[in-house]
Amino acid sequence: MAKLDHKEPSMALYENILKLKTVDECRKFFEDLCTVSEARAMEQRFDVAVLLTQGKIYNDILGKTGASSATISRVSRMLSSGTGVLRGMTEQIAEEEKE
């Protein structure tokens, strides 16, 4: 096995996530890889992103997710200045919910 360059991200994780076939398999993968708190933090951030995209206000988001105002603010920044992938996902979810 080749030595990993710790300065470059390993694509193996992302390539293998794409090979997972079901939601349950994906959940179990993250359960094995992450601590409970790490997995919950990612779930919470995603939920915050969806609610922000739906136009919910901070107090509503805090009440529904328990996220801190710092987390909500961080997710909001990622939605507006991140890569655009999270924004695209959450916009698609919002459109699906309108139908």
Foldseek 3Di string as FASTA:
>chain_A
DDDDDPVDDDCVVVVVLVVDDDPVSNVVVCVVVDPPVVVLLVVLLLQLLLCVLVVDDPVVSCVVRVDDPVSSVVSVCCLVPNPPPSVVVSVVVVVVVVD
